[in-house]
Amino acid sequence: MRAFIIDTSNMAPELQGGLIGVEGSANPTAAEKQECVETVSRCVMDGWAIAADPRAPIGWLAALTAETACVPFVNLTRLAPGEPALQPAAQT
């Protein structure tokens, strides 16, 4: 698991306390899951918001931990480059 700091100087006021990004392997071990919960818990207690991809196992665990602590969660899948843009439905 890897945690990294994201610059929030130009973001919404609720993220001004700081934003920690979390990512991990596609098949995390029990130790990696424990590290995720401990790291995210420690960060949210210090006022950090959490960012992760909830489609990944570690991201989902980070999202649940952030939600439990009632801190902002940023879904990185909504910001990921290379994702196909939604197209409007064709008019018939």
Protein backbone atom coordinates (compact mmCIF):
# COMPACT_ATOMS: atom_id res chain seq x y z
CA MET A 1 0.00 0.00 0.00
CA ARG A 2 1.18 3.51 -0.78
CA ALA A 3 -0.10 6.77 0.69
CA PHE A 4 0.80 10.12 -0.86
CA ILE A 5 0.00 13.77 -0.17
CA ILE A 6 -2.04 15.69 -2.75
CA ASP A 7 -1.69 19.48 -2.92
CA THR A 8 -5.07 21.01 -2.01
CA SER A 9 -4.12 24.68 -2.11
CA ASN A 10 -6.52 25.34 -5.01
CA MET A 11 -9.32 22.98 -3.97
CA ALA A 12 -12.58 23.28 -2.07
CA PRO A 13 -12.51 24.54 1.55
CA GLU A 14 -13.43 21.12 2.97
CA LEU A 15 -10.18 19.75 1.51
CA GLN A 16 -7.92 22.52 2.84
CA GLY A 17 -6.96 20.37 5.85
CA GLY A 18 -5.06 18.17 3.40
CA LEU A 19 -5.71 15.23 1.12
CA ILE A 20 -4.04 11.84 1.27
CA GLY A 21 -4.15 9.55 -1.75
CA VAL A 22 -4.14 5.79 -1.15
CA GLU A 23 -3.38 2.99 -3.58
CA GLY A 24 -2.42 -0.64 -3.29
CA SER A 25 -2.06 -3.94 -5.07
CA ALA A 26 -4.92 -5.61 -6.91
CA ASN A 27 -4.77 -8.54 -4.49
CA PRO A 28 -3.76 -7.09 -1.09
CA THR A 29 -2.50 -9.24 1.74
CA ALA A 30 -4.03 -9.08 5.21
CA ALA A 31 -1.03 -7.01 6.33
CA GLU A 32 -1.58 -4.51 3.50
CA LYS A 33 -5.27 -4.20 4.43
CA GLN A 34 -4.35 -3.62 8.08
CA GLU A 35 -1.77 -1.01 7.06
CA CYS A 36 -4.43 0.76 4.98
CA VAL A 37 -6.94 0.94 7.83
CA GLU A 38 -4.28 2.10 10.30
CA THR A 39 -2.81 4.72 7.94
CA VAL A 40 -6.18 6.12 6.86
CA SER A 41 -7.45 6.14 10.45
CA ARG A 42 -4.38 8.03 11.63
CA CYS A 43 -4.68 10.57 8.79
CA VAL A 44 -8.38 11.26 9.29
CA MET A 45 -7.82 11.82 13.00
CA ASP A 46 -5.38 14.57 11.97
CA GLY A 47 -8.02 16.16 9.70
CA TRP A 48 -6.93 14.82 6.32
CA ALA A 49 -9.44 13.97 3.59
CA ILE A 50 -8.90 10.71 1.67
CA ALA A 51 -8.63 10.08 -2.09
CA ALA A 52 -8.61 6.63 -3.68
CA ASP A 53 -10.06 4.46 -6.44
CA PRO A 54 -12.93 2.59 -4.74
CA ARG A 55 -12.93 -0.01 -7.55
CA ALA A 56 -9.61 -1.32 -6.19
CA PRO A 57 -9.66 -3.38 -2.96
CA ILE A 58 -7.42 -0.98 -1.02
CA GLY A 59 -9.29 2.04 -2.37
CA TRP A 60 -12.60 0.53 -1.30
CA LEU A 61 -11.21 -0.11 2.18
CA ALA A 62 -9.86 3.46 2.35
CA ALA A 63 -13.28 4.79 1.27
CA LEU A 64 -15.06 2.79 3.96
CA THR A 65 -12.62 3.97 6.60
CA ALA A 66 -13.01 7.61 5.52
CA GLU A 67 -16.80 7.29 5.48
CA THR A 68 -16.79 5.78 8.96
CA ALA A 69 -14.70 8.72 10.21
CA CYS A 70 -17.04 11.23 8.48
CA VAL A 71 -14.27 12.91 6.47
CA PRO A 72 -14.41 13.90 2.79
CA PHE A 73 -13.60 11.18 0.27
CA VAL A 74 -12.48 11.97 -3.29
CA ASN A 75 -13.24 9.23 -5.81
CA LEU A 76 -10.16 9.15 -8.06
CA THR A 77 -11.99 7.22 -10.77
CA ARG A 78 -13.94 10.38 -11.49
CA LEU A 79 -10.67 12.23 -12.11
CA ALA A 80 -8.67 9.53 -13.90
CA PRO A 81 -7.27 10.49 -17.30
CA GLY A 82 -7.97 8.19 -20.20
CA GLU A 83 -11.46 7.30 -19.09
CA PRO A 84 -13.94 7.56 -21.93
CA ALA A 85 -16.21 10.57 -21.55
CA LEU A 86 -19.92 9.88 -21.31
CA GLN A 87 -21.70 10.76 -24.50
CA PRO A 88 -25.21 12.17 -24.52
CA ALA A 89 -27.91 9.76 -25.61
CA ALA A 90 -28.83 10.01 -29.27
CA GLN A 91 -32.07 11.87 -29.96
CA THR A 92 -34.66 9.77 -31.81
